[in-house]
Amino acid sequence: MFGLKTKLLAVGLDRPVLRTGAWLVGARVYGQFGTVSGSYTCPASRLAFEPGSAGNRDGCQAASSDTASLRYAGGEISAAYRSGDASRLSPHAAFGVAYMDVGFQVNALTFGMVDHTHYLSHGTAISASGGVSYRLTDRFVLSTDVFYSPLAVSRSFGAPVRNDGLFNVRTLVTYRMR
């Protein structure tokens, strides 16, 4: 898709660990390793413009062949409240911790020079999410979550660290087969 070549393996295990009355507590562990290669820095669409122009500010002279390295492992604890068959609403929340070791290798011809810049990052990230599920029918459930992870970022060596958090809203429709 979009000229990307993936070599990724991701695995996860999720199971309930405690059921008491209306409460359900679950645990999840997960991990991923691999690479995604493609023309991130200099996509083919940029080559139609003169290097240094408004459409090609990076000075791309050929499509790049960059590689993103994606490795992480983590875990999450979640809780949901289900008050019974009469209620269609079920609030839920989760807290997670992940260790990430990621990199990006540039391989681009820009302004007559080959750029082989290598960016690396690693560290621990925490996250929190919460939302509500609504049972549409016996088989269909609509869930919406709000997710937040504060991310400490230093844009260059010696630069101050600042929070550049990740925030998103996600929705999921689930169909139960039996």
Protein backbone atom coordinates (compact mmCIF):
# COMPACT_ATOMS: atom_id res chain seq x y z
CA MET A 1 0.00 0.00 0.00
CA PHE A 2 1.35 3.45 -0.98
CA GLY A 3 4.59 1.75 -2.12
CA LEU A 4 5.47 0.61 1.40
CA LYS A 5 7.12 -2.76 2.00
CA THR A 6 6.48 -4.24 5.43
CA LYS A 7 8.30 -6.95 7.34
CA LEU A 8 6.46 -6.86 10.65
CA LEU A 9 5.48 -9.42 13.26
CA ALA A 10 3.11 -8.32 16.01
CA VAL A 11 1.70 -10.58 18.71
CA GLY A 12 -0.59 -10.02 21.66
CA LEU A 13 -2.32 -11.99 24.36
CA ASP A 14 -5.40 -10.62 26.12
CA ARG A 15 -7.55 -12.34 28.71
CA PRO A 16 -9.88 -11.64 31.61
CA VAL A 17 -8.16 -12.08 34.98
CA LEU A 18 -10.97 -11.20 37.38
CA ARG A 19 -14.77 -11.29 37.13
CA THR A 20 -16.72 -10.10 40.15
CA GLY A 21 -20.36 -9.19 39.80
CA ALA A 22 -20.59 -6.40 37.25
CA TRP A 23 -16.81 -5.79 37.05
CA LEU A 24 -14.45 -7.36 34.52
CA VAL A 25 -10.68 -6.82 34.82
CA GLY A 26 -8.38 -7.91 32.00
CA ALA A 27 -4.68 -7.99 31.21
CA ARG A 28 -2.91 -7.74 27.88
CA VAL A 29 0.73 -8.19 26.80
CA TYR A 30 1.92 -7.37 23.30
CA GLY A 31 4.96 -6.78 21.16
CA GLN A 32 6.13 -6.05 17.65
CA PHE A 33 9.34 -6.06 15.70
CA GLY A 34 10.22 -5.45 12.07
CA THR A 35 10.65 -2.78 9.44
CA VAL A 36 8.64 -0.71 6.99
CA SER A 37 10.49 0.55 3.90
CA GLY A 38 9.40 3.14 1.38
CA SER A 39 9.84 6.64 -0.04
CA TYR A 40 9.08 8.64 3.09
CA THR A 41 11.63 11.44 2.63
CA CYS A 42 11.34 11.85 -1.14
CA PRO A 43 8.14 10.33 -2.55
CA ALA A 44 7.79 10.15 -6.35
CA SER A 45 5.12 12.91 -6.29
CA ARG A 46 7.73 15.43 -5.11
CA LEU A 47 10.05 14.74 -8.07
CA ALA A 48 7.76 16.64 -10.47
CA PHE A 49 8.95 19.89 -8.83
CA GLU A 50 12.32 21.60 -9.11
CA PRO A 51 14.64 20.87 -6.12
CA GLY A 52 14.33 23.69 -3.58
CA SER A 53 10.98 24.93 -4.97
CA ALA A 54 7.78 25.19 -2.93
CA GLY A 55 6.71 21.68 -4.02
CA ASN A 56 10.14 20.16 -3.29
CA ARG A 57 11.70 22.12 -0.41
CA ASP A 58 13.90 19.14 0.61
CA GLY A 59 15.65 19.15 -2.79
CA CYS A 60 14.69 15.61 -3.72
CA GLN A 61 16.27 14.41 -6.97
CA ALA A 62 15.21 10.73 -6.85
CA ALA A 63 12.71 8.65 -4.92
CA SER A 64 14.18 7.74 -1.53
CA SER A 65 14.39 4.25 -0.07
CA ASP A 66 14.00 4.91 3.67
CA THR A 67 13.46 2.33 6.41
CA ALA A 68 11.57 2.64 9.69
CA SER A 69 12.51 0.11 12.38
CA LEU A 70 9.66 -0.57 14.80
CA ARG A 71 10.23 -2.57 17.99
CA TYR A 72 8.14 -2.41 21.14
CA ALA A 73 6.80 -4.51 24.00
CA GLY A 74 4.18 -3.61 26.55
CA GLY A 75 1.30 -4.46 28.77
CA GLU A 76 -2.07 -3.07 29.76
CA ILE A 77 -4.60 -3.52 32.55
CA SER A 78 -8.24 -2.77 31.75
CA ALA A 79 -11.50 -2.65 33.68
CA ALA A 80 -15.10 -2.60 32.47
CA TYR A 81 -18.38 -2.27 34.33
CA ARG A 82 -21.37 -4.19 33.02
CA SER A 83 -24.45 -3.63 35.15
CA GLY A 84 -26.46 -6.45 33.58
CA ASP A 85 -28.65 -7.31 30.62
CA ALA A 86 -30.98 -4.36 31.22
CA SER A 87 -28.29 -1.74 30.57
CA ARG A 88 -26.84 -1.33 27.10
CA LEU A 89 -24.02 0.99 28.30
CA SER A 90 -20.71 -0.28 29.69
CA PRO A 91 -17.94 2.18 30.71
CA HIS A 92 -14.34 0.98 30.51
CA ALA A 93 -10.84 2.26 31.25
CA ALA A 94 -7.26 1.05 30.75
CA PHE A 95 -3.72 1.90 31.81
CA GLY A 96 -0.67 0.72 29.86
CA VAL A 97 3.12 0.79 29.82
CA ALA A 98 5.27 0.10 26.74
CA TYR A 99 8.98 0.10 25.96
CA MET A 100 9.78 1.31 22.44
CA ASP A 101 12.99 1.07 20.45
CA VAL A 102 12.45 2.73 17.08
CA GLY A 103 14.63 4.10 14.32
CA PHE A 104 14.46 5.75 10.92
CA GLN A 105 17.19 5.38 8.28
CA VAL A 106 17.08 8.02 5.54
CA ASN A 107 18.43 7.08 2.10
CA ALA A 108 17.71 10.05 -0.16
CA LEU A 109 19.45 12.02 -2.91
CA THR A 110 18.87 15.69 -2.05
CA PHE A 111 20.60 18.76 -3.54
CA GLY A 112 23.23 16.47 -5.15
CA MET A 113 24.19 14.72 -1.90
CA VAL A 114 23.13 11.36 -0.50
CA ASP A 115 21.48 11.76 2.91
CA HIS A 116 22.03 8.75 5.20
CA THR A 117 20.80 10.38 8.42
CA HIS A 118 19.86 7.81 11.08
CA TYR A 119 17.33 8.81 13.72
CA LEU A 120 16.97 6.69 16.88
CA SER A 121 14.64 6.80 19.83
CA HIS A 122 13.93 4.53 22.74
CA GLY A 123 12.15 4.75 26.03
CA THR A 124 9.12 3.93 28.07
CA ALA A 125 5.68 5.36 27.37
CA ILE A 126 2.62 5.24 29.58
CA SER A 127 -0.92 5.53 28.32
CA ALA A 128 -4.44 5.85 29.62
CA SER A 129 -7.72 5.37 27.84
CA GLY A 130 -11.37 5.38 28.74
CA GLY A 131 -14.68 5.20 27.02
CA VAL A 132 -18.03 3.56 26.74
CA SER A 133 -19.47 0.60 24.86
CA TYR A 134 -23.07 0.51 23.70
CA ARG A 135 -24.75 -2.81 22.89
CA LEU A 136 -26.72 -2.21 19.68
CA THR A 137 -28.03 -5.80 19.44
CA ASP A 138 -27.15 -9.16 20.97
CA ARG A 139 -24.28 -9.42 18.46
CA PHE A 140 -23.25 -5.83 17.63
CA VAL A 141 -21.43 -3.50 20.05
CA LEU A 142 -20.30 0.07 19.33
CA SER A 143 -17.35 1.28 21.44
CA THR A 144 -15.69 4.70 21.61
CA ASP A 145 -12.44 5.45 23.46
CA VAL A 146 -10.36 8.49 24.26
CA PHE A 147 -6.61 7.67 24.37
CA TYR A 148 -3.73 9.76 25.73
CA SER A 149 -0.02 9.12 26.10
CA PRO A 150 2.33 11.92 27.27
CA LEU A 151 5.54 11.81 25.23
CA ALA A 152 8.74 13.52 26.39
CA VAL A 153 10.47 14.86 23.27
CA SER A 154 13.81 16.60 22.71
CA ARG A 155 14.01 17.75 19.08
CA SER A 156 17.80 18.04 19.01
CA PHE A 157 20.82 17.32 21.19
CA GLY A 158 20.79 19.65 24.20
CA ALA A 159 17.31 21.00 23.42
CA PRO A 160 14.86 21.16 26.31
CA VAL A 161 12.52 18.22 26.80
CA ARG A 162 8.86 19.03 26.28
CA ASN A 163 5.60 17.10 26.26
CA ASP A 164 4.39 16.28 22.75
CA GLY A 165 1.59 13.95 23.79
CA LEU A 166 -0.43 11.65 21.59
CA PHE A 167 -4.20 12.09 21.87
CA ASN A 168 -6.80 10.33 19.78
CA VAL A 169 -10.41 9.24 19.74
CA ARG A 170 -11.16 5.83 18.31
CA THR A 171 -14.35 3.93 17.55
CA LEU A 172 -14.84 0.19 17.08
CA VAL A 173 -17.80 -1.86 15.91
CA THR A 174 -17.69 -5.46 17.16
CA TYR A 175 -19.69 -8.39 15.86
CA ARG A 176 -19.93 -11.54 18.02
CA MET A 177 -20.35 -14.67 15.89
CA ARG A 178 -21.77 -16.96 18.60
